[in-house]
């Protein structure tokens, strides 16, 4: 497997350990991660959204994303960009997340 894909896979694995404190499903399977862009210099840009624009846990979630992704070998800095376009909706969740939350 090439090094880029291996790093991205490790980043996704770490993102699956980040949870919104109010929802028992990780942010990756919730469909909140829109883009993961690892750079050659060790920087990773992540575009993510929230289930609601006024989410009270935004700071906690962003700090958790940064801390966990920076623990991946080769990652030196993480930039998290909160975006609301496209707006999140439940169809963005994985089947596992929909099942966990009772949508299937």
PDB file of N, CA and C in Angstrom:
ATOM      1  N   UNK A   1       0.856  -1.183   0.000  1.00  0.00           N
ATOM      2  CA  UNK A   1       0.000   0.000   0.000  1.00  0.00           C
ATOM      3  C   UNK A   1       0.893   1.235   0.000  1.00  0.00           C
ATOM      4  N   UNK A   2       0.505   2.246  -0.768  1.00  0.00           N
ATOM      5  CA  UNK A   2       1.378   3.410  -0.791  1.00  0.00           C
ATOM      6  C   UNK A   2       1.278   4.200   0.514  1.00  0.00           C
ATOM      7  N   UNK A   3       2.333   4.943   0.772  1.00  0.00           N
ATOM      8  CA  UNK A   3       2.484   5.645   2.057  1.00  0.00           C
ATOM      9  C   UNK A   3       1.347   6.635   2.323  1.00  0.00           C
ATOM     10  N   UNK A   4       0.899   7.318   1.278  1.00  0.00           N
ATOM     11  CA  UNK A   4      -0.185   8.301   1.413  1.00  0.00           C
ATOM     12  C   UNK A   4      -1.466   7.621   1.894  1.00  0.00           C
ATOM     13  N   UNK A   5      -1.840   6.519   1.241  1.00  0.00           N
ATOM     14  CA  UNK A   5      -3.065   5.815   1.630  1.00  0.00           C
ATOM     15  C   UNK A   5      -2.950   5.212   3.017  1.00  0.00           C
ATOM     16  N   UNK A   6      -1.761   4.743   3.358  1.00  0.00           N
ATOM     17  CA  UNK A   6      -1.540   4.164   4.683  1.00  0.00           C
ATOM     18  C   UNK A   6      -1.737   5.230   5.767  1.00  0.00           C
ATOM     19  N   UNK A   7      -1.192   6.426   5.526  1.00  0.00           N
ATOM     20  CA  UNK A   7      -1.353   7.521   6.496  1.00  0.00           C
ATOM     21  C   UNK A   7      -2.824   7.914   6.607  1.00  0.00           C
ATOM     22  N   UNK A   8      -3.508   8.005   5.469  1.00  0.00           N
ATOM     23  CA  UNK A   8      -4.916   8.386   5.497  1.00  0.00           C
ATOM     24  C   UNK A   8      -5.741   7.332   6.248  1.00  0.00           C
ATOM     25  N   UNK A   9      -5.411   6.069   6.054  1.00  0.00           N
ATOM     26  CA  UNK A   9      -6.117   4.994   6.762  1.00  0.00           C
ATOM     27  C   UNK A   9      -5.913   5.111   8.280  1.00  0.00           C
ATOM     28  N   UNK A  10      -4.703   5.450   8.704  1.00  0.00           N
ATOM     29  CA  UNK A  10      -4.420   5.621  10.136  1.00  0.00           C
ATOM     30  C   UNK A  10      -5.178   6.837  10.692  1.00  0.00           C
ATOM     31  N   UNK A  11      -5.278   7.883   9.884  1.00  0.00           N
ATOM     32  CA  UNK A  11      -6.022   9.077  10.308  1.00  0.00           C
ATOM     33  C   UNK A  11      -7.500   8.728  10.488  1.00  0.00           C
ATOM     34  N   UNK A  12      -8.059   8.003   9.532  1.00  0.00           N
ATOM     35  CA  UNK A  12      -9.463   7.594   9.628  1.00  0.00           C
ATOM     36  C   UNK A  12      -9.666   6.733  10.873  1.00  0.00           C
ATOM     37  N   UNK A  13      -8.729   5.836  11.136  1.00  0.00           N
ATOM     38  CA  UNK A  13      -8.831   4.981  12.324  1.00  0.00           C
ATOM     39  C   UNK A  13      -8.899   5.833  13.595  1.00  0.00           C
ATOM     40  N   UNK A  14      -8.101   6.890  13.656  1.00  0.00           N
ATOM     41  CA  UNK A  14      -8.121   7.781  14.823  1.00  0.00           C
ATOM     42  C   UNK A  14      -9.425   8.591  14.872  1.00  0.00           C
ATOM     43  N   UNK A  15      -9.907   9.039  13.705  1.00  0.00           N
ATOM     44  CA  UNK A  15     -11.156   9.808  13.682  1.00  0.00           C
ATOM     45  C   UNK A  15     -12.329   8.966  14.172  1.00  0.00           C
ATOM     46  N   UNK A  16     -12.217   7.665  13.996  1.00  0.00           N
ATOM     47  CA  UNK A  16     -13.293   6.781  14.469  1.00  0.00           C
ATOM     48  C   UNK A  16     -13.279   6.637  15.997  1.00  0.00           C
ATOM     49  N   UNK A  17     -12.311   7.265  16.663  1.00  0.00           N
ATOM     50  CA  UNK A  17     -12.281   7.250  18.127  1.00  0.00           C
ATOM     51  C   UNK A  17     -12.785   8.577  18.712  1.00  0.00           C
ATOM     52  N   UNK A  18     -13.221   9.493  17.836  1.00  0.00           N
ATOM     53  CA  UNK A  18     -13.717  10.801  18.273  1.00  0.00           C
ATOM     54  C   UNK A  18     -15.247  10.768  18.246  1.00  0.00           C
ATOM     55  N   UNK A  19     -15.850  11.143  19.374  1.00  0.00           N
ATOM     56  CA  UNK A  19     -17.304  11.101  19.495  1.00  0.00           C
ATOM     57  C   UNK A  19     -17.848  12.466  19.897  1.00  0.00           C
ATOM     58  N   UNK A  20     -19.012  12.796  19.370  1.00  0.00           N
ATOM     59  CA  UNK A  20     -19.787  13.908  19.904  1.00  0.00           C
ATOM     60  C   UNK A  20     -20.310  13.390  21.243  1.00  0.00           C
ATOM     61  N   UNK A  21     -20.118  14.112  22.346  1.00  0.00           N
ATOM     62  CA  UNK A  21     -20.529  13.603  23.654  1.00  0.00           C
ATOM     63  C   UNK A  21     -22.029  13.274  23.754  1.00  0.00           C
ATOM     64  N   UNK A  22     -22.839  13.825  22.850  1.00  0.00           N
ATOM     65  CA  UNK A  22     -24.280  13.592  22.918  1.00  0.00           C
ATOM     66  C   UNK A  22     -24.758  12.473  21.991  1.00  0.00           C
ATOM     67  N   UNK A  23     -23.852  11.935  21.154  1.00  0.00           N
ATOM     68  CA  UNK A  23     -24.247  10.922  20.167  1.00  0.00           C
ATOM     69  C   UNK A  23     -23.309   9.722  20.293  1.00  0.00           C
ATOM     70  N   UNK A  24     -23.845   8.509  20.438  1.00  0.00           N
ATOM     71  CA  UNK A  24     -22.996   7.334  20.662  1.00  0.00           C
ATOM     72  C   UNK A  24     -22.375   6.745  19.387  1.00  0.00           C
ATOM     73  N   UNK A  25     -22.073   7.595  18.394  1.00  0.00           N
ATOM     74  CA  UNK A  25     -21.472   7.150  17.141  1.00  0.00           C
ATOM     75  C   UNK A  25     -20.305   8.092  16.842  1.00  0.00           C
ATOM     76  N   UNK A  26     -19.210   7.555  16.321  1.00  0.00           N
ATOM     77  CA  UNK A  26     -18.034   8.395  16.044  1.00  0.00           C
ATOM     78  C   UNK A  26     -18.304   9.374  14.897  1.00  0.00           C
ATOM     79  N   UNK A  27     -17.514  10.452  14.865  1.00  0.00           N
ATOM     80  CA  UNK A  27     -17.758  11.526  13.899  1.00  0.00           C
ATOM     81  C   UNK A  27     -17.522  11.092  12.459  1.00  0.00           C
ATOM     82  N   UNK A  28     -16.657  10.101  12.248  1.00  0.00           N
ATOM     83  CA  UNK A  28     -16.396   9.634  10.880  1.00  0.00           C
ATOM     84  C   UNK A  28     -17.626   8.903  10.336  1.00  0.00           C
ATOM     85  N   UNK A  29     -18.159   7.973  11.121  1.00  0.00           N
ATOM     86  CA  UNK A  29     -19.334   7.222  10.676  1.00  0.00           C
ATOM     87  C   UNK A  29     -20.598   8.077  10.659  1.00  0.00           C
ATOM     88  N   UNK A  30     -20.600   9.171  11.424  1.00  0.00           N
ATOM     89  CA  UNK A  30     -21.723  10.109  11.361  1.00  0.00           C
ATOM     90  C   UNK A  30     -21.717  10.891  10.045  1.00  0.00           C
ATOM     91  N   UNK A  31     -20.601  10.856   9.326  1.00  0.00           N
ATOM     92  CA  UNK A  31     -20.503  11.588   8.067  1.00  0.00           C
ATOM     93  C   UNK A  31     -20.104  13.033   8.256  1.00  0.00           C
ATOM     94  N   UNK A  32     -19.498  13.343   9.408  1.00  0.00           N
ATOM     95  CA  UNK A  32     -19.113  14.728   9.697  1.00  0.00           C
ATOM     96  C   UNK A  32     -17.784  15.121   9.059  1.00  0.00           C
ATOM     97  N   UNK A  33     -16.995  14.141   8.604  1.00  0.00           N
ATOM     98  CA  UNK A  33     -15.699  14.432   7.975  1.00  0.00           C
ATOM     99  C   UNK A  33     -15.909  14.532   6.470  1.00  0.00           C
ATOM    100  N   UNK A  34     -15.652  15.710   5.925  1.00  0.00           N
ATOM    101  CA  UNK A  34     -15.838  15.936   4.491  1.00  0.00           C
ATOM    102  C   UNK A  34     -14.542  15.769   3.703  1.00  0.00           C
ATOM    103  N   UNK A  35     -13.405  16.092   4.324  1.00  0.00           N
ATOM    104  CA  UNK A  35     -12.142  16.008   3.585  1.00  0.00           C
ATOM    105  C   UNK A  35     -10.996  15.747   4.552  1.00  0.00           C
ATOM    106  N   UNK A  36     -10.095  14.857   4.143  1.00  0.00           N
ATOM    107  CA  UNK A  36      -8.839  14.609   4.856  1.00  0.00           C
ATOM    108  C   UNK A  36      -7.742  14.818   3.833  1.00  0.00           C
ATOM    109  N   UNK A  37      -6.876  15.788   4.078  1.00  0.00           N
ATOM    110  CA  UNK A  37      -5.854  16.133   3.096  1.00  0.00           C
ATOM    111  C   UNK A  37      -4.462  16.160   3.739  1.00  0.00           C
ATOM    112  N   UNK A  38      -3.786  14.993   3.790  1.00  0.00           N
ATOM    113  CA  UNK A  38      -2.423  14.961   4.338  1.00  0.00           C
ATOM    114  C   UNK A  38      -1.433  15.588   3.347  1.00  0.00           C
ATOM    115  N   UNK A  39      -0.550  16.423   3.848  1.00  0.00           N
ATOM    116  CA  UNK A  39       0.471  17.080   3.014  1.00  0.00           C
ATOM    117  C   UNK A  39       1.825  16.411   3.258  1.00  0.00           C
ATOM    118  N   UNK A  40       2.740  16.632   2.336  1.00  0.00           N
ATOM    119  CA  UNK A  40       4.081  16.043   2.450  1.00  0.00           C
ATOM    120  C   UNK A  40       4.855  16.555   3.660  1.00  0.00           C
ATOM    121  N   UNK A  41       4.523  17.775   4.130  1.00  0.00           N
ATOM    122  CA  UNK A  41       5.265  18.355   5.259  1.00  0.00           C
ATOM    123  C   UNK A  41       4.752  17.892   6.627  1.00  0.00           C
ATOM    124  N   UNK A  42       3.793  16.969   6.635  1.00  0.00           N
ATOM    125  CA  UNK A  42       3.265  16.463   7.904  1.00  0.00           C
ATOM    126  C   UNK A  42       2.024  17.182   8.381  1.00  0.00           C
ATOM    127  N   UNK A  43       1.563  18.168   7.630  1.00  0.00           N
ATOM    128  CA  UNK A  43       0.333  18.877   7.955  1.00  0.00           C
ATOM    129  C   UNK A  43      -0.851  18.083   7.408  1.00  0.00           C
ATOM    130  N   UNK A  44      -1.933  18.083   8.147  1.00  0.00           N
ATOM    131  CA  UNK A  44      -3.169  17.455   7.670  1.00  0.00           C
ATOM    132  C   UNK A  44      -4.285  18.487   7.786  1.00  0.00           C
ATOM    133  N   UNK A  45      -4.938  18.746   6.655  1.00  0.00           N
ATOM    134  CA  UNK A  45      -6.102  19.630   6.646  1.00  0.00           C
ATOM    135  C   UNK A  45      -7.345  18.761   6.667  1.00  0.00           C
ATOM    136  N   UNK A  46      -8.246  19.052   7.592  1.00  0.00           N
ATOM    137  CA  UNK A  46      -9.486  18.296   7.715  1.00  0.00           C
ATOM    138  C   UNK A  46     -10.648  19.272   7.640  1.00  0.00           C
ATOM    139  N   UNK A  47     -11.556  19.009   6.702  1.00  0.00           N
ATOM    140  CA  UNK A  47     -12.808  19.753   6.644  1.00  0.00           C
ATOM    141  C   UNK A  47     -13.855  18.879   7.305  1.00  0.00           C
ATOM    142  N   UNK A  48     -14.547  19.441   8.254  1.00  0.00           N
ATOM    143  CA  UNK A  48     -15.601  18.697   8.919  1.00  0.00           C
ATOM    144  C   UNK A  48     -16.777  19.619   9.208  1.00  0.00           C
ATOM    145  N   UNK A  49     -17.899  19.014   9.479  1.00  0.00           N
ATOM    146  CA  UNK A  49     -19.090  19.779   9.817  1.00  0.00           C
ATOM    147  C   UNK A  49     -19.603  19.297  11.163  1.00  0.00           C
ATOM    148  N   UNK A  50     -20.708  19.813  11.570  1.00  0.00           N
ATOM    149  CA  UNK A  50     -21.355  19.429  12.826  1.00  0.00           C
ATOM    150  C   UNK A  50     -22.799  19.056  12.518  1.00  0.00           C
ATOM    151  N   UNK A  51     -23.406  18.309  13.401  1.00  0.00           N
ATOM    152  CA  UNK A  51     -24.802  17.934  13.173  1.00  0.00           C
ATOM    153  C   UNK A  51     -25.721  19.150  13.272  1.00  0.00           C
ATOM    154  N   UNK A  52     -25.269  20.189  13.979  1.00  0.00           N
ATOM    155  CA  UNK A  52     -26.024  21.439  14.096  1.00  0.00           C
ATOM    156  C   UNK A  52     -25.031  22.596  14.210  1.00  0.00           C
ATOM    157  N   UNK A  53     -25.316  23.722  13.544  1.00  0.00           N
ATOM    158  CA  UNK A  53     -24.382  24.861  13.579  1.00  0.00           C
ATOM    159  C   UNK A  53     -24.069  25.382  14.978  1.00  0.00           C
ATOM    160  N   UNK A  54     -24.993  25.234  15.912  1.00  0.00           N
ATOM    161  CA  UNK A  54     -24.783  25.747  17.266  1.00  0.00           C
ATOM    162  C   UNK A  54     -24.369  24.644  18.239  1.00  0.00           C
ATOM    163  N   UNK A  55     -23.713  23.620  17.742  1.00  0.00           N
ATOM    164  CA  UNK A  55     -23.302  22.479  18.568  1.00  0.00           C
ATOM    165  C   UNK A  55     -22.461  22.965  19.756  1.00  0.00           C
ATOM    166  N   UNK A  56     -22.894  22.693  20.990  1.00  0.00           N
ATOM    167  CA  UNK A  56     -22.167  23.174  22.163  1.00  0.00           C
ATOM    168  C   UNK A  56     -20.831  22.448  22.384  1.00  0.00           C
ATOM    169  N   UNK A  57     -20.653  21.306  21.722  1.00  0.00           N
ATOM    170  CA  UNK A  57     -19.435  20.514  21.933  1.00  0.00           C
ATOM    171  C   UNK A  57     -18.364  20.770  20.876  1.00  0.00           C
ATOM    172  N   UNK A  58     -18.539  21.798  20.051  1.00  0.00           N
ATOM    173  CA  UNK A  58     -17.617  22.016  18.933  1.00  0.00           C
ATOM    174  C   UNK A  58     -16.153  22.107  19.384  1.00  0.00           C
ATOM    175  N   UNK A  59     -15.869  22.875  20.435  1.00  0.00           N
ATOM    176  CA  UNK A  59     -14.475  23.036  20.879  1.00  0.00           C
ATOM    177  C   UNK A  59     -13.897  21.706  21.363  1.00  0.00           C
ATOM    178  N   UNK A  60     -14.687  20.953  22.103  1.00  0.00           N
ATOM    179  CA  UNK A  60     -14.257  19.647  22.600  1.00  0.00           C
ATOM    180  C   UNK A  60     -13.955  18.710  21.438  1.00  0.00           C
ATOM    181  N   UNK A  61     -14.850  18.665  20.462  1.00  0.00           N
ATOM    182  CA  UNK A  61     -14.678  17.765  19.317  1.00  0.00           C
ATOM    183  C   UNK A  61     -13.445  18.151  18.506  1.00  0.00           C
ATOM    184  N   UNK A  62     -13.280  19.430  18.215  1.00  0.00           N
ATOM    185  CA  UNK A  62     -12.125  19.891  17.426  1.00  0.00           C
ATOM    186  C   UNK A  62     -10.818  19.573  18.151  1.00  0.00           C
ATOM    187  N   UNK A  63     -10.755  19.829  19.448  1.00  0.00           N
ATOM    188  CA  UNK A  63      -9.538  19.520  20.211  1.00  0.00           C
ATOM    189  C   UNK A  63      -9.240  18.025  20.196  1.00  0.00           C
ATOM    190  N   UNK A  64     -10.280  17.212  20.302  1.00  0.00           N
ATOM    191  CA  UNK A  64     -10.110  15.759  20.274  1.00  0.00           C
ATOM    192  C   UNK A  64      -9.590  15.311  18.907  1.00  0.00           C
ATOM    193  N   UNK A  65     -10.140  15.872  17.831  1.00  0.00           N
ATOM    194  CA  UNK A  65      -9.671  15.553  16.476  1.00  0.00           C
ATOM    195  C   UNK A  65      -8.191  15.898  16.348  1.00  0.00           C
ATOM    196  N   UNK A  66      -7.822  17.107  16.766  1.00  0.00           N
ATOM    197  CA  UNK A  66      -6.424  17.551  16.646  1.00  0.00           C
ATOM    198  C   UNK A  66      -5.512  16.634  17.447  1.00  0.00           C
ATOM    199  N   UNK A  67      -5.846  16.385  18.693  1.00  0.00           N
ATOM    200  CA  UNK A  67      -4.997  15.570  19.561  1.00  0.00           C
ATOM    201  C   UNK A  67      -4.811  14.155  18.990  1.00  0.00           C
ATOM    202  N   UNK A  68      -5.897  13.553  18.559  1.00  0.00           N
ATOM    203  CA  UNK A  68      -5.817  12.164  18.089  1.00  0.00           C
ATOM    204  C   UNK A  68      -5.137  12.050  16.730  1.00  0.00           C
ATOM    205  N   UNK A  69      -5.419  12.957  15.814  1.00  0.00           N
ATOM    206  CA  UNK A  69      -4.783  12.879  14.494  1.00  0.00           C
ATOM    207  C   UNK A  69      -3.301  13.218  14.596  1.00  0.00           C
ATOM    208  N   UNK A  70      -2.933  14.142  15.489  1.00  0.00           N
ATOM    209  CA  UNK A  70      -1.508  14.451  15.676  1.00  0.00           C
ATOM    210  C   UNK A  70      -0.742  13.279  16.274  1.00  0.00           C
ATOM    211  N   UNK A  71      -1.442  12.302  16.842  1.00  0.00           N
ATOM    212  CA  UNK A  71      -0.755  11.129  17.392  1.00  0.00           C
ATOM    213  C   UNK A  71      -0.369  10.122  16.298  1.00  0.00           C
ATOM    214  N   UNK A  72      -0.856  10.332  15.078  1.00  0.00           N
ATOM    215  CA  UNK A  72      -0.515   9.451  13.959  1.00  0.00           C
ATOM    216  C   UNK A  72       0.919   9.737  13.527  1.00  0.00           C
ATOM    217  N   UNK A  73       1.682   8.668  13.339  1.00  0.00           N
ATOM    218  CA  UNK A  73       3.078   8.809  12.926  1.00  0.00           C
ATOM    219  C   UNK A  73       3.162   9.603  11.622  1.00  0.00           C
ATOM    220  N   UNK A  74       4.042  10.610  11.621  1.00  0.00           N
ATOM    221  CA  UNK A  74       4.244  11.432  10.435  1.00  0.00           C
ATOM    222  C   UNK A  74       3.380  12.682  10.387  1.00  0.00           C
ATOM    223  N   UNK A  75       2.424  12.797  11.298  1.00  0.00           N
ATOM    224  CA  UNK A  75       1.574  13.987  11.334  1.00  0.00           C
ATOM    225  C   UNK A  75       2.165  14.966  12.335  1.00  0.00           C
ATOM    226  N   UNK A  76       2.426  16.187  11.862  1.00  0.00           N
ATOM    227  CA  UNK A  76       3.031  17.201  12.719  1.00  0.00           C
ATOM    228  C   UNK A  76       2.042  18.277  13.143  1.00  0.00           C
ATOM    229  N   UNK A  77       1.082  18.569  12.267  1.00  0.00           N
ATOM    230  CA  UNK A  77       0.126  19.646  12.560  1.00  0.00           C
ATOM    231  C   UNK A  77      -1.197  19.315  11.895  1.00  0.00           C
ATOM    232  N   UNK A  78      -2.289  19.627  12.595  1.00  0.00           N
ATOM    233  CA  UNK A  78      -3.630  19.378  12.069  1.00  0.00           C
ATOM    234  C   UNK A  78      -4.395  20.693  12.040  1.00  0.00           C
ATOM    235  N   UNK A  79      -4.947  21.006  10.888  1.00  0.00           N
ATOM    236  CA  UNK A  79      -5.817  22.171  10.730  1.00  0.00           C
ATOM    237  C   UNK A  79      -7.235  21.662  10.520  1.00  0.00           C
ATOM    238  N   UNK A  80      -8.137  22.022  11.432  1.00  0.00           N
ATOM    239  CA  UNK A  80      -9.534  21.611  11.311  1.00  0.00           C
ATOM    240  C   UNK A  80     -10.340  22.820  10.856  1.00  0.00           C
ATOM    241  N   UNK A  81     -11.004  22.661   9.725  1.00  0.00           N
ATOM    242  CA  UNK A  81     -11.869  23.705   9.195  1.00  0.00           C
ATOM    243  C   UNK A  81     -13.316  23.244   9.372  1.00  0.00           C
ATOM    244  N   UNK A  82     -14.097  24.026  10.114  1.00  0.00           N
ATOM    245  CA  UNK A  82     -15.511  23.715  10.293  1.00  0.00           C
ATOM    246  C   UNK A  82     -16.264  24.354   9.129  1.00  0.00           C
ATOM    247  N   UNK A  83     -16.981  23.523   8.389  1.00  0.00           N
ATOM    248  CA  UNK A  83     -17.734  24.005   7.227  1.00  0.00           C
ATOM    249  C   UNK A  83     -19.188  23.558   7.359  1.00  0.00           C
ATOM    250  N   UNK A  84     -20.079  24.295   6.718  1.00  0.00           N
ATOM    251  CA  UNK A  84     -21.493  23.941   6.761  1.00  0.00           C
ATOM    252  C   UNK A  84     -22.075  23.796   5.357  1.00  0.00           C
ATOM    253  N   UNK A  85     -21.186  23.621   4.380  1.00  0.00           N
ATOM    254  CA  UNK A  85     -21.622  23.425   3.008  1.00  0.00           C
ATOM    255  C   UNK A  85     -20.895  22.237   2.428  1.00  0.00           C
ATOM    256  N   UNK A  86     -21.551  21.161   2.088  1.00  0.00           N
ATOM    257  CA  UNK A  86     -23.002  21.017   2.113  1.00  0.00           C
ATOM    258  C   UNK A  86     -23.499  20.797   3.541  1.00  0.00           C
ATOM    259  N   UNK A  87     -24.735  21.172   3.808  1.00  0.00           N
ATOM    260  CA  UNK A  87     -25.289  20.944   5.137  1.00  0.00           C
ATOM    261  C   UNK A  87     -25.347  19.442   5.438  1.00  0.00           C
ATOM    262  N   UNK A  88     -25.033  19.088   6.669  1.00  0.00           N
ATOM    263  CA  UNK A  88     -25.075  17.680   7.069  1.00  0.00           C
ATOM    264  C   UNK A  88     -26.516  17.218   7.161  1.00  0.00           C
ATOM    265  N   UNK A  89     -26.738  15.965   6.761  1.00  0.00           N
ATOM    266  CA  UNK A  89     -28.017  15.340   7.090  1.00  0.00           C
ATOM    267  C   UNK A  89     -27.791  13.845   7.309  1.00  0.00           C
ATOM    268  N   UNK A  90     -28.786  13.187   7.873  1.00  0.00           N
ATOM    269  CA  UNK A  90     -28.602  11.807   8.336  1.00  0.00           C
ATOM    270  C   UNK A  90     -28.246  10.830   7.213  1.00  0.00           C
ATOM    271  N   UNK A  91     -28.501  11.181   5.967  1.00  0.00           N
ATOM    272  CA  UNK A  91     -28.137  10.301   4.852  1.00  0.00           C
ATOM    273  C   UNK A  91     -26.629  10.203   4.662  1.00  0.00           C
ATOM    274  N   UNK A  92     -25.867  11.078   5.293  1.00  0.00           N
ATOM    275  CA  UNK A  92     -24.404  11.060   5.197  1.00  0.00           C
ATOM    276  C   UNK A  92     -23.783  10.029   6.143  1.00  0.00           C
ATOM    277  N   UNK A  93     -24.587   9.483   7.048  1.00  0.00           N
ATOM    278  CA  UNK A  93     -24.073   8.513   8.021  1.00  0.00           C
ATOM    279  C   UNK A  93     -23.841   7.164   7.356  1.00  0.00           C
ATOM    280  N   UNK A  94     -22.883   6.428   7.885  1.00  0.00           N
ATOM    281  CA  UNK A  94     -22.671   5.059   7.431  1.00  0.00           C
ATOM    282  C   UNK A  94     -23.887   4.218   7.829  1.00  0.00           C
ATOM    283  N   UNK A  95     -24.036   3.063   7.194  1.00  0.00           N
ATOM    284  CA  UNK A  95     -25.150   2.177   7.557  1.00  0.00           C
ATOM    285  C   UNK A  95     -25.064   1.768   9.020  1.00  0.00           C
ATOM    286  N   UNK A  96     -23.819   1.535   9.499  1.00  0.00           N
ATOM    287  CA  UNK A  96     -23.634   1.147  10.900  1.00  0.00           C
ATOM    288  C   UNK A  96     -24.145   2.239  11.839  1.00  0.00           C
ATOM    289  N   UNK A  97     -23.839   3.498  11.503  1.00  0.00           N
ATOM    290  CA  UNK A  97     -24.287   4.608  12.337  1.00  0.00           C
ATOM    291  C   UNK A  97     -25.809   4.727  12.302  1.00  0.00           C
ATOM    292  N   UNK A  98     -26.391   4.585  11.121  1.00  0.00           N
ATOM    293  CA  UNK A  98     -27.850   4.664  11.012  1.00  0.00           C
ATOM    294  C   UNK A  98     -28.517   3.555  11.817  1.00  0.00           C
ATOM    295  N   UNK A  99     -27.931   2.371  11.773  1.00  0.00           N
ATOM    296  CA  UNK A  99     -28.467   1.251  12.526  1.00  0.00           C
ATOM    297  C   UNK A  99     -28.365   1.515  14.035  1.00  0.00           C
ATOM    298  N   UNK A 100     -27.184   2.006  14.462  1.00  0.00           N
ATOM    299  CA  UNK A 100     -26.941   2.305  15.888  1.00  0.00           C
ATOM    300  C   UNK A 100     -27.943   3.326  16.420  1.00  0.00           C
ATOM    301  N   UNK A 101     -28.277   4.310  15.586  1.00  0.00           N
ATOM    302  CA  UNK A 101     -29.166   5.393  16.012  1.00  0.00           C
ATOM    303  C   UNK A 101     -30.635   5.117  15.698  1.00  0.00           C
ATOM    304  N   UNK A 102     -30.913   3.933  15.136  1.00  0.00           N
ATOM    305  CA  UNK A 102     -32.304   3.549  14.895  1.00  0.00           C
ATOM    306  C   UNK A 102     -32.929   4.133  13.645  1.00  0.00           C
ATOM    307  N   UNK A 103     -32.107   4.546  12.674  1.00  0.00           N
ATOM    308  CA  UNK A 103     -32.644   5.089  11.424  1.00  0.00           C
ATOM    309  C   UNK A 103     -32.880   4.015  10.374  1.00  0.00           C
ATOM    310  N   UNK A 104     -32.416   2.779  10.613  1.00  0.00           N
ATOM    311  CA  UNK A 104     -32.638   1.679   9.657  1.00  0.00           C
ATOM    312  C   UNK A 104     -33.525   0.634  10.260  1.00  0.00           C
TER     313      UNK A 104
END
